[in-house]
Amino acid sequence: KAIVLQKTIDYIQFLHKEKKKQEEEVSTLRKDVMALKIMKVNYEQ
């Protein structure tokens, strides 16, 4: 039971790190989309 609990804790911590990494990637992609939208508007003008 002790090993099961420890492995569960490690896996939850791993998921938290992955979630944070994905949130950073999503934030970066949102900035990319915003920049592309600005460029699109400029070219249309």
All heavy atoms as atom14 arrays in JSON, in Angstrom:
{
  "sequence": "KAIVLQKTIDYIQFLHKEKKKQEEEVSTLRKDVMALKIMKVNYEQ",
  "atom14_mask": [
    [1, 1, 1, 1, 1, 1, 1, 1, 1, 0, 0, 0, 0, 0],
    [1, 1, 1, 1, 1, 0, 0, 0, 0, 0, 0, 0, 0, 0],
    [1, 1, 1, 1, 1, 1, 1, 1, 0, 0, 0, 0, 0, 0],
    [1, 1, 1, 1, 1, 1, 1, 0, 0, 0, 0, 0, 0, 0],
    [1, 1, 1, 1, 1, 1, 1, 1, 0, 0, 0, 0, 0, 0],
    [1, 1, 1, 1, 1, 1, 1, 1, 1, 0, 0, 0, 0, 0],
    [1, 1, 1, 1, 1, 1, 1, 1, 1, 0, 0, 0, 0, 0],
    [1, 1, 1, 1, 1, 1, 1, 0, 0, 0, 0, 0, 0, 0],
    [1, 1, 1, 1, 1, 1, 1, 1, 0, 0, 0, 0, 0, 0],
    [1, 1, 1, 1, 1, 1, 1, 1, 0, 0, 0, 0, 0, 0],
    [1, 1, 1, 1, 1, 1, 1, 1, 1, 1, 1, 1, 0, 0],
    [1, 1, 1, 1, 1, 1, 1, 1, 0, 0, 0, 0, 0, 0],
    [1, 1, 1, 1, 1, 1, 1, 1, 1, 0, 0, 0, 0, 0],
    [1, 1, 1, 1, 1, 1, 1, 1, 1, 1, 1, 0, 0, 0],
    [1, 1, 1, 1, 1, 1, 1, 1, 0, 0, 0, 0, 0, 0],
    [1, 1, 1, 1, 1, 1, 1, 1, 1, 1, 0, 0, 0, 0],
    [1, 1, 1, 1, 1, 1, 1, 1, 1, 0, 0, 0, 0, 0],
    [1, 1, 1, 1, 1, 1, 1, 1, 1, 0, 0, 0, 0, 0],
    [1, 1, 1, 1, 1, 1, 1, 1, 1, 0, 0, 0, 0, 0],
    [1, 1, 1, 1, 1, 1, 1, 1, 1, 0, 0, 0, 0, 0],
    [1, 1, 1, 1, 1, 1, 1, 1, 1, 0, 0, 0, 0, 0],
    [1, 1, 1, 1, 1, 1, 1, 1, 1, 0, 0, 0, 0, 0],
    [1, 1, 1, 1, 1, 1, 1, 1, 1, 0, 0, 0, 0, 0],
    [1, 1, 1, 1, 1, 1, 1, 1, 1, 0, 0, 0, 0, 0],
    [1, 1, 1, 1, 1, 1, 1, 1, 1, 0, 0, 0, 0, 0],
    [1, 1, 1, 1, 1, 1, 1, 0, 0, 0, 0, 0, 0, 0],
    [1, 1, 1, 1, 1, 1, 0, 0, 0, 0, 0, 0, 0, 0],
    [1, 1, 1, 1, 1, 1, 1, 0, 0, 0, 0, 0, 0, 0],
    [1, 1, 1, 1, 1, 1, 1, 1, 0, 0, 0, 0, 0, 0],
    [1, 1, 1, 1, 1, 1, 1, 1, 1, 1, 1, 0, 0, 0],
    [1, 1, 1, 1, 1, 1, 1, 1, 1, 0, 0, 0, 0, 0],
    [1, 1, 1, 1, 1, 1, 1, 1, 0, 0, 0, 0, 0, 0],
    [1, 1, 1, 1, 1, 1, 1, 0, 0, 0, 0, 0, 0, 0],
    [1, 1, 1, 1, 1, 1, 1, 1, 0, 0, 0, 0, 0, 0],
    [1, 1, 1, 1, 1, 0, 0, 0, 0, 0, 0, 0, 0, 0],
    [1, 1, 1, 1, 1, 1, 1, 1, 0, 0, 0, 0, 0, 0],
    [1, 1, 1, 1, 1, 1, 1, 1, 1, 0, 0, 0, 0, 0],
    [1, 1, 1, 1, 1, 1, 1, 1, 0, 0, 0, 0, 0, 0],
    [1, 1, 1, 1, 1, 1, 1, 1, 0, 0, 0, 0, 0, 0],
    [1, 1, 1, 1, 1, 1, 1, 1, 1, 0, 0, 0, 0, 0],
    [1, 1, 1, 1, 1, 1, 1, 0, 0, 0, 0, 0, 0, 0],
    [1, 1, 1, 1, 1, 1, 1, 1, 0, 0, 0, 0, 0, 0],
    [1, 1, 1, 1, 1, 1, 1, 1, 1, 1, 1, 1, 0, 0],
    [1, 1, 1, 1, 1, 1, 1, 1, 1, 0, 0, 0, 0, 0],
    [1, 1, 1, 1, 1, 1, 1, 1, 1, 0, 0, 0, 0, 0]
  ],
  "atom14_positions": [
    [[0.83, -1.2, 0.0], [0.0, 0.0, 0.0], [0.86, 1.25, 0.0], [0.52, 2.25, -0.65], [-0.93, -0.01, 1.21], [-1.96, -1.13, 1.17], [-2.85, -1.09, 2.41], [-3.89, -2.21, 2.37], [-4.75, -2.2, 3.56], [0.0, 0.0, 0.0], [0.0, 0.0, 0.0], [0.0, 0.0, 0.0], [0.0, 0.0, 0.0], [0.0, 0.0, 0.0]],
    [[1.98, 1.22, 0.7], [2.86, 2.38, 0.75], [3.43, 2.69, -0.63], [3.5, 3.86, -1.05], [4.0, 2.14, 1.75], [0.0, 0.0, 0.0], [0.0, 0.0, 0.0], [0.0, 0.0, 0.0], [0.0, 0.0, 0.0], [0.0, 0.0, 0.0], [0.0, 0.0, 0.0], [0.0, 0.0, 0.0], [0.0, 0.0, 0.0], [0.0, 0.0, 0.0]],
    [[3.82, 1.66, -1.39], [4.37, 1.86, -2.73], [3.29, 2.4, -3.66], [3.53, 3.3, -4.47], [4.95, 0.55, -3.28], [6.18, 0.13, -2.44], [5.34, 0.69, -4.74], [6.8, -1.17, -2.87], [0.0, 0.0, 0.0], [0.0, 0.0, 0.0], [0.0, 0.0, 0.0], [0.0, 0.0, 0.0], [0.0, 0.0, 0.0], [0.0, 0.0, 0.0]],
    [[2.07, 1.85, -3.54], [0.97, 2.33, -4.38], [0.69, 3.82, -4.13], [0.53, 4.61, -5.06], [-0.3, 1.5, -4.13], [-1.5, 2.11, -4.85], [-0.1, 0.07, -4.59], [0.0, 0.0, 0.0], [0.0, 0.0, 0.0], [0.0, 0.0, 0.0], [0.0, 0.0, 0.0], [0.0, 0.0, 0.0], [0.0, 0.0, 0.0], [0.0, 0.0, 0.0]],
    [[0.67, 4.22, -2.85], [0.43, 5.62, -2.52], [1.55, 6.51, -3.03], [1.31, 7.6, -3.55], [0.27, 5.78, -1.01], [-1.01, 5.19, -0.4], [-1.01, 5.39, 1.11], [-2.25, 5.85, -1.01], [0.0, 0.0, 0.0], [0.0, 0.0, 0.0], [0.0, 0.0, 0.0], [0.0, 0.0, 0.0], [0.0, 0.0, 0.0], [0.0, 0.0, 0.0]],
    [[2.8, 6.08, -2.88], [3.94, 6.89, -3.33], [3.93, 7.06, -4.85], [4.16, 8.15, -5.37], [5.24, 6.25, -2.88], [6.48, 7.08, -3.2], [6.42, 8.45, -2.52], [6.16, 8.55, -1.33], [6.67, 9.5, -3.29], [0.0, 0.0, 0.0], [0.0, 0.0, 0.0], [0.0, 0.0, 0.0], [0.0, 0.0, 0.0], [0.0, 0.0, 0.0]],
    [[3.64, 5.97, -5.56], [3.57, 6.06, -7.02], [2.41, 6.95, -7.46], [2.51, 7.67, -8.46], [3.43, 4.65, -7.62], [4.7, 3.82, -7.55], [4.5, 2.47, -8.19], [5.8, 1.68, -8.23], [6.8, 2.27, -9.14], [0.0, 0.0, 0.0], [0.0, 0.0, 0.0], [0.0, 0.0, 0.0], [0.0, 0.0, 0.0], [0.0, 0.0, 0.0]],
    [[1.32, 6.9, -6.71], [0.17, 7.77, -7.03], [0.54, 9.23, -6.83], [0.21, 10.09, -7.66], [-1.02, 7.4, -6.15], [-1.35, 6.01, -6.33], [-2.23, 8.25, -6.5], [0.0, 0.0, 0.0], [0.0, 0.0, 0.0], [0.0, 0.0, 0.0], [0.0, 0.0, 0.0], [0.0, 0.0, 0.0], [0.0, 0.0, 0.0], [0.0, 0.0, 0.0]],
    [[1.24, 9.54, -5.74], [1.67, 10.92, -5.48], [2.62, 11.4, -6.58], [2.49, 12.52, -7.1], [2.34, 11.01, -4.1], [1.31, 10.76, -2.99], [3.0, 12.37, -3.91], [1.92, 10.65, -1.61], [0.0, 0.0, 0.0], [0.0, 0.0, 0.0], [0.0, 0.0, 0.0], [0.0, 0.0, 0.0], [0.0, 0.0, 0.0], [0.0, 0.0, 0.0]],
    [[3.57, 10.55, -6.96], [4.51, 10.93, -8.03], [3.78, 11.18, -9.34], [4.11, 12.12, -10.08], [5.55, 9.82, -8.21], [6.43, 9.65, -6.98], [6.5, 10.6, -6.17], [7.02, 8.57, -6.81], [0.0, 0.0, 0.0], [0.0, 0.0, 0.0], [0.0, 0.0, 0.0], [0.0, 0.0, 0.0], [0.0, 0.0, 0.0], [0.0, 0.0, 0.0]],
    [[2.8, 10.36, -9.64], [2.06, 10.51, -10.9], [1.24, 11.8, -10.89], [1.15, 12.49, -11.91], [1.17, 9.3, -11.11], [0.44, 9.3, -12.43], [1.14, 9.25, -13.63], [-0.95, 9.35, -12.48], [0.48, 9.26, -14.85], [-1.61, 9.35, -13.69], [-0.9, 9.3, -14.87], [-1.56, 9.31, -16.07], [0.0, 0.0, 0.0], [0.0, 0.0, 0.0]],
    [[0.64, 12.14, -9.75], [-0.14, 13.38, -9.65], [0.78, 14.59, -9.83], [0.43, 15.56, -10.52], [-0.87, 13.44, -8.3], [-1.98, 12.37, -8.26], [-1.48, 14.82, -8.07], [-2.67, 12.28, -6.91], [0.0, 0.0, 0.0], [0.0, 0.0, 0.0], [0.0, 0.0, 0.0], [0.0, 0.0, 0.0], [0.0, 0.0, 0.0], [0.0, 0.0, 0.0]],
    [[1.96, 14.56, -9.22], [2.92, 15.65, -9.4], [3.35, 15.77, -10.87], [3.5, 16.88, -11.39], [4.13, 15.42, -8.5], [3.81, 15.55, -7.01], [5.01, 15.23, -6.14], [6.02, 14.68, -6.61], [4.92, 15.56, -4.86], [0.0, 0.0, 0.0], [0.0, 0.0, 0.0], [0.0, 0.0, 0.0], [0.0, 0.0, 0.0], [0.0, 0.0, 0.0]],
    [[3.54, 14.63, -11.52], [3.89, 14.64, -12.94], [2.78, 15.27, -13.77], [3.03, 16.07, -14.68], [4.17, 13.21, -13.41], [4.24, 13.06, -14.9], [5.36, 13.47, -15.59], [3.18, 12.5, -15.59], [5.43, 13.33, -16.98], [3.25, 12.37, -16.97], [4.37, 12.78, -17.66], [0.0, 0.0, 0.0], [0.0, 0.0, 0.0], [0.0, 0.0, 0.0]],
    [[1.52, 14.95, -13.44], [0.4, 15.52, -14.17], [0.31, 17.03, -13.97], [-0.02, 17.78, -14.89], [-0.91, 14.85, -13.72], [-1.09, 13.38, -14.13], [-2.41, 12.86, -13.58], [-1.04, 13.21, -15.63], [0.0, 0.0, 0.0], [0.0, 0.0, 0.0], [0.0, 0.0, 0.0], [0.0, 0.0, 0.0], [0.0, 0.0, 0.0], [0.0, 0.0, 0.0]],
    [[0.61, 17.49, -12.74], [0.61, 18.93, -12.48], [1.67, 19.64, -13.35], [1.4, 20.72, -13.91], [0.87, 19.2, -11.0], [-0.35, 19.06, -10.14], [-1.47, 19.84, -10.3], [-0.63, 18.22, -9.1], [-2.39, 19.5, -9.41], [-1.91, 18.51, -8.68], [0.0, 0.0, 0.0], [0.0, 0.0, 0.0], [0.0, 0.0, 0.0], [0.0, 0.0, 0.0]],
    [[2.85, 19.05, -13.46], [3.9, 19.65, -14.28], [3.5, 19.67, -15.75], [3.73, 20.66, -16.45], [5.21, 18.88, -14.1], [5.82, 19.02, -12.71], [7.12, 18.23, -12.6], [7.73, 18.37, -11.22], [8.98, 17.58, -11.09], [0.0, 0.0, 0.0], [0.0, 0.0, 0.0], [0.0, 0.0, 0.0], [0.0, 0.0, 0.0], [0.0, 0.0, 0.0]],
    [[2.9, 18.57, -16.21], [2.47, 18.52, -17.6], [1.38, 19.56, -17.87], [1.35, 20.19, -18.93], [1.96, 17.12, -17.93], [3.04, 16.07, -18.05], [3.97, 16.36, -19.22], [3.48, 16.66, -20.32], [5.19, 16.3, -19.03], [0.0, 0.0, 0.0], [0.0, 0.0, 0.0], [0.0, 0.0, 0.0], [0.0, 0.0, 0.0], [0.0, 0.0, 0.0]],
    [[0.48, 19.72, -16.91], [-0.58, 20.71, -17.07], [0.0, 22.13, -17.17], [-0.42, 22.93, -18.02], [-1.55, 20.63, -15.89], [-2.69, 21.62, -15.98], [-3.58, 21.54, -14.75], [-4.69, 22.58, -14.81], [-5.54, 22.56, -13.59], [0.0, 0.0, 0.0], [0.0, 0.0, 0.0], [0.0, 0.0, 0.0], [0.0, 0.0, 0.0], [0.0, 0.0, 0.0]],
    [[0.98, 22.42, -16.3], [1.61, 23.74, -16.35], [2.33, 23.96, -17.67], [2.24, 25.05, -18.27], [2.59, 23.88, -15.18], [3.22, 25.25, -15.08], [4.13, 25.35, -13.87], [4.74, 26.73, -13.76], [5.66, 26.83, -12.59], [0.0, 0.0, 0.0], [0.0, 0.0, 0.0], [0.0, 0.0, 0.0], [0.0, 0.0, 0.0], [0.0, 0.0, 0.0]],
    [[2.99, 22.93, -18.16], [3.7, 23.03, -19.43], [2.72, 23.27, -20.58], [2.96, 24.09, -21.47], [4.5, 21.75, -19.68], [5.31, 21.75, -20.95], [6.09, 20.47, -21.1], [6.87, 20.44, -22.4], [7.62, 19.17, -22.56], [0.0, 0.0, 0.0], [0.0, 0.0, 0.0], [0.0, 0.0, 0.0], [0.0, 0.0, 0.0], [0.0, 0.0, 0.0]],
    [[1.61, 22.55, -20.56], [0.61, 22.73, -21.61], [-0.02, 24.12, -21.54], [-0.32, 24.72, -22.58], [-0.46, 21.65, -21.49], [0.03, 20.26, -21.84], [-1.02, 19.2, -21.65], [-2.13, 19.49, -21.21], [-0.69, 17.95, -21.97], [0.0, 0.0, 0.0], [0.0, 0.0, 0.0], [0.0, 0.0, 0.0], [0.0, 0.0, 0.0], [0.0, 0.0, 0.0]],
    [[-0.24, 24.63, -20.34], [-0.8, 25.98, -20.21], [0.16, 27.01, -20.8], [-0.27, 27.98, -21.44], [-1.08, 26.28, -18.74], [-2.27, 25.5, -18.17], [-2.46, 25.76, -16.7], [-1.55, 26.37, -16.07], [-3.5, 25.34, -16.14], [0.0, 0.0, 0.0], [0.0, 0.0, 0.0], [0.0, 0.0, 0.0], [0.0, 0.0, 0.0], [0.0, 0.0, 0.0]],
    [[1.47, 26.82, -20.58], [2.44, 27.74, -21.16], [2.44, 27.65, -22.69], [2.54, 28.68, -23.37], [3.84, 27.43, -20.62], [4.0, 27.72, -19.13], [5.36, 27.32, -18.6], [6.12, 26.68, -19.37], [5.67, 27.62, -17.44], [0.0, 0.0, 0.0], [0.0, 0.0, 0.0], [0.0, 0.0, 0.0], [0.0, 0.0, 0.0], [0.0, 0.0, 0.0]],
    [[2.33, 26.43, -23.21], [2.28, 26.27, -24.66], [1.02, 26.91, -25.24], [1.07, 27.54, -26.31], [2.33, 24.79, -25.02], [3.66, 24.13, -24.7], [3.66, 22.65, -25.02], [2.57, 22.14, -25.4], [4.72, 22.0, -24.92], [0.0, 0.0, 0.0], [0.0, 0.0, 0.0], [0.0, 0.0, 0.0], [0.0, 0.0, 0.0], [0.0, 0.0, 0.0]],
    [[-0.1, 26.75, -24.54], [-1.34, 27.38, -25.0], [-1.21, 28.9, -25.0], [-1.66, 29.58, -25.93], [-2.52, 26.94, -24.12], [-3.76, 27.77, -24.41], [-2.83, 25.46, -24.33], [0.0, 0.0, 0.0], [0.0, 0.0, 0.0], [0.0, 0.0, 0.0], [0.0, 0.0, 0.0], [0.0, 0.0, 0.0], [0.0, 0.0, 0.0], [0.0, 0.0, 0.0]],
    [[-0.58, 29.44, -23.96], [-0.38, 30.89, -23.9], [0.49, 31.37, -25.06], [0.22, 32.41, -25.68], [0.27, 31.27, -22.56], [0.51, 32.65, -22.48], [0.0, 0.0, 0.0], [0.0, 0.0, 0.0], [0.0, 0.0, 0.0], [0.0, 0.0, 0.0], [0.0, 0.0, 0.0], [0.0, 0.0, 0.0], [0.0, 0.0, 0.0], [0.0, 0.0, 0.0]],
    [[1.55, 30.62, -25.38], [2.41, 30.98, -26.5], [1.66, 30.93, -27.82], [1.79, 31.82, -28.67], [3.62, 30.03, -26.55], [4.34, 30.1, -25.31], [4.55, 30.4, -27.69], [0.0, 0.0, 0.0], [0.0, 0.0, 0.0], [0.0, 0.0, 0.0], [0.0, 0.0, 0.0], [0.0, 0.0, 0.0], [0.0, 0.0, 0.0], [0.0, 0.0, 0.0]],
    [[0.84, 29.88, -27.99], [0.07, 29.76, -29.22], [-0.95, 30.88, -29.35], [-1.21, 31.38, -30.46], [-0.63, 28.4, -29.26], [0.29, 27.18, -29.42], [-0.52, 25.9, -29.3], [1.02, 27.23, -30.74], [0.0, 0.0, 0.0], [0.0, 0.0, 0.0], [0.0, 0.0, 0.0], [0.0, 0.0, 0.0], [0.0, 0.0, 0.0], [0.0, 0.0, 0.0]],
    [[-1.53, 31.3, -28.24], [-2.47, 32.42, -28.3], [-1.78, 33.7, -28.74], [-2.34, 34.5, -29.5], [-3.11, 32.61, -26.92], [-4.16, 31.55, -26.58], [-4.7, 31.74, -25.19], [-5.75, 30.77, -24.9], [-6.31, 30.62, -23.7], [-5.92, 31.4, -22.69], [-7.25, 29.71, -23.51], [0.0, 0.0, 0.0], [0.0, 0.0, 0.0], [0.0, 0.0, 0.0]],
    [[-0.54, 33.9, -28.27], [0.23, 35.07, -28.71], [0.52, 34.97, -30.21], [0.45, 35.99, -30.93], [1.53, 35.17, -27.92], [1.33, 35.52, -26.46], [2.65, 35.61, -25.74], [2.46, 35.96, -24.26], [3.77, 36.03, -23.53], [0.0, 0.0, 0.0], [0.0, 0.0, 0.0], [0.0, 0.0, 0.0], [0.0, 0.0, 0.0], [0.0, 0.0, 0.0]],
    [[0.84, 33.76, -30.68], [1.09, 33.58, -32.11], [-0.16, 33.92, -32.93], [-0.07, 34.6, -33.97], [1.5, 32.12, -32.39], [2.86, 31.79, -31.82], [3.61, 32.73, -31.51], [3.18, 30.59, -31.69], [0.0, 0.0, 0.0], [0.0, 0.0, 0.0], [0.0, 0.0, 0.0], [0.0, 0.0, 0.0], [0.0, 0.0, 0.0], [0.0, 0.0, 0.0]],
    [[-1.3, 33.44, -32.45], [-2.55, 33.72, -33.16], [-2.83, 35.22, -33.18], [-3.24, 35.79, -34.2], [-3.72, 32.95, -32.51], [-5.05, 33.39, -33.1], [-3.53, 31.45, -32.7], [0.0, 0.0, 0.0], [0.0, 0.0, 0.0], [0.0, 0.0, 0.0], [0.0, 0.0, 0.0], [0.0, 0.0, 0.0], [0.0, 0.0, 0.0], [0.0, 0.0, 0.0]],
    [[-2.61, 35.88, -32.06], [-2.83, 37.32, -31.99], [-1.92, 38.07, -32.96], [-2.36, 39.0, -33.66], [-2.6, 37.81, -30.56], [-2.88, 39.3, -30.38], [-4.59, 39.73, -30.73], [-5.42, 38.84, -29.4], [0.0, 0.0, 0.0], [0.0, 0.0, 0.0], [0.0, 0.0, 0.0], [0.0, 0.0, 0.0], [0.0, 0.0, 0.0], [0.0, 0.0, 0.0]],
    [[-0.65, 37.66, -33.03], [0.28, 38.31, -33.95], [-0.13, 38.09, -35.4], [-0.08, 39.01, -36.23], [1.69, 37.77, -33.72], [0.0, 0.0, 0.0], [0.0, 0.0, 0.0], [0.0, 0.0, 0.0], [0.0, 0.0, 0.0], [0.0, 0.0, 0.0], [0.0, 0.0, 0.0], [0.0, 0.0, 0.0], [0.0, 0.0, 0.0], [0.0, 0.0, 0.0]],
    [[-0.59, 36.88, -35.72], [-1.03, 36.6, -37.09], [-2.28, 37.41, -37.45], [-2.42, 37.87, -38.59], [-1.31, 35.1, -37.24], [-0.07, 34.19, -37.18], [-0.49, 32.73, -37.2], [0.88, 34.49, -38.33], [0.0, 0.0, 0.0], [0.0, 0.0, 0.0], [0.0, 0.0, 0.0], [0.0, 0.0, 0.0], [0.0, 0.0, 0.0], [0.0, 0.0, 0.0]],
    [[-3.16, 37.58, -36.47], [-4.35, 38.39, -36.73], [-3.97, 39.84, -37.01], [-4.54, 40.49, -37.91], [-5.3, 38.32, -35.54], [-6.02, 36.98, -35.42], [-6.99, 37.0, -34.23], [-7.75, 35.68, -34.14], [-8.69, 35.67, -32.98], [0.0, 0.0, 0.0], [0.0, 0.0, 0.0], [0.0, 0.0, 0.0], [0.0, 0.0, 0.0], [0.0, 0.0, 0.0]],
    [[-2.99, 40.36, -36.25], [-2.54, 41.74, -36.47], [-1.91, 41.88, -37.85], [-2.18, 42.84, -38.6], [-1.54, 42.14, -35.37], [-2.25, 42.2, -34.0], [-0.89, 43.48, -35.7], [-1.33, 42.44, -32.83], [0.0, 0.0, 0.0], [0.0, 0.0, 0.0], [0.0, 0.0, 0.0], [0.0, 0.0, 0.0], [0.0, 0.0, 0.0], [0.0, 0.0, 0.0]],
    [[-1.08, 40.9, -38.23], [-0.47, 40.94, -39.56], [-1.52, 40.86, -40.66], [-1.44, 41.54, -41.68], [0.53, 39.79, -39.69], [1.73, 39.91, -38.76], [2.79, 38.45, -38.81], [3.34, 38.49, -40.51], [0.0, 0.0, 0.0], [0.0, 0.0, 0.0], [0.0, 0.0, 0.0], [0.0, 0.0, 0.0], [0.0, 0.0, 0.0], [0.0, 0.0, 0.0]],
    [[-2.53, 40.03, -40.43], [-3.6, 39.89, -41.42], [-4.34, 41.21, -41.61], [-4.63, 41.63, -42.75], [-4.58, 38.8, -40.95], [-5.77, 38.58, -41.88], [-6.59, 37.41, -41.38], [-7.83, 37.19, -42.25], [-8.82, 38.26, -42.13], [0.0, 0.0, 0.0], [0.0, 0.0, 0.0], [0.0, 0.0, 0.0], [0.0, 0.0, 0.0], [0.0, 0.0, 0.0]],
    [[-4.65, 41.87, -40.49], [-5.34, 43.15, -40.58], [-4.49, 44.17, -41.33], [-4.99, 44.94, -42.18], [-5.71, 43.66, -39.17], [-6.24, 45.09, -39.23], [-6.75, 42.75, -38.54], [0.0, 0.0, 0.0], [0.0, 0.0, 0.0], [0.0, 0.0, 0.0], [0.0, 0.0, 0.0], [0.0, 0.0, 0.0], [0.0, 0.0, 0.0], [0.0, 0.0, 0.0]],
    [[-3.19, 44.19, -41.04], [-2.3, 45.14, -41.7], [-2.23, 44.89, -43.21], [-2.28, 45.84, -44.02], [-0.91, 45.08, -41.1], [-0.87, 45.6, -39.67], [-1.69, 46.45, -39.29], [0.05, 45.11, -38.87], [0.0, 0.0, 0.0], [0.0, 0.0, 0.0], [0.0, 0.0, 0.0], [0.0, 0.0, 0.0], [0.0, 0.0, 0.0], [0.0, 0.0, 0.0]],
    [[-2.12, 43.62, -43.6], [-2.07, 43.31, -45.02], [-3.38, 43.64, -45.72], [-3.38, 44.1, -46.87], [-1.71, 41.84, -45.23], [-0.25, 41.54, -45.1], [0.23, 40.71, -44.09], [0.68, 42.09, -45.99], [1.59, 40.45, -43.95], [2.03, 41.83, -45.87], [2.49, 41.01, -44.85], [3.83, 40.76, -44.73], [0.0, 0.0, 0.0], [0.0, 0.0, 0.0]],
    [[-4.49, 43.41, -45.03], [-5.78, 43.75, -45.63], [-5.89, 45.25, -45.85], [-6.44, 45.7, -46.88], [-6.92, 43.26, -44.72], [-7.08, 41.74, -44.73], [-8.15, 41.28, -43.76], [-8.6, 42.11, -42.92], [-8.54, 40.09, -43.82], [0.0, 0.0, 0.0], [0.0, 0.0, 0.0], [0.0, 0.0, 0.0], [0.0, 0.0, 0.0], [0.0, 0.0, 0.0]],
    [[-5.39, 46.04, -44.9], [-5.42, 47.49, -45.07], [-4.53, 47.94, -46.24], [-4.9, 48.84, -47.01], [-4.97, 48.17, -43.78], [-5.95, 48.0, -42.63], [-5.44, 48.61, -41.35], [-4.3, 49.06, -41.27], [-6.29, 48.63, -40.32], [0.0, 0.0, 0.0], [0.0, 0.0, 0.0], [0.0, 0.0, 0.0], [0.0, 0.0, 0.0], [0.0, 0.0, 0.0]]
  ]
}
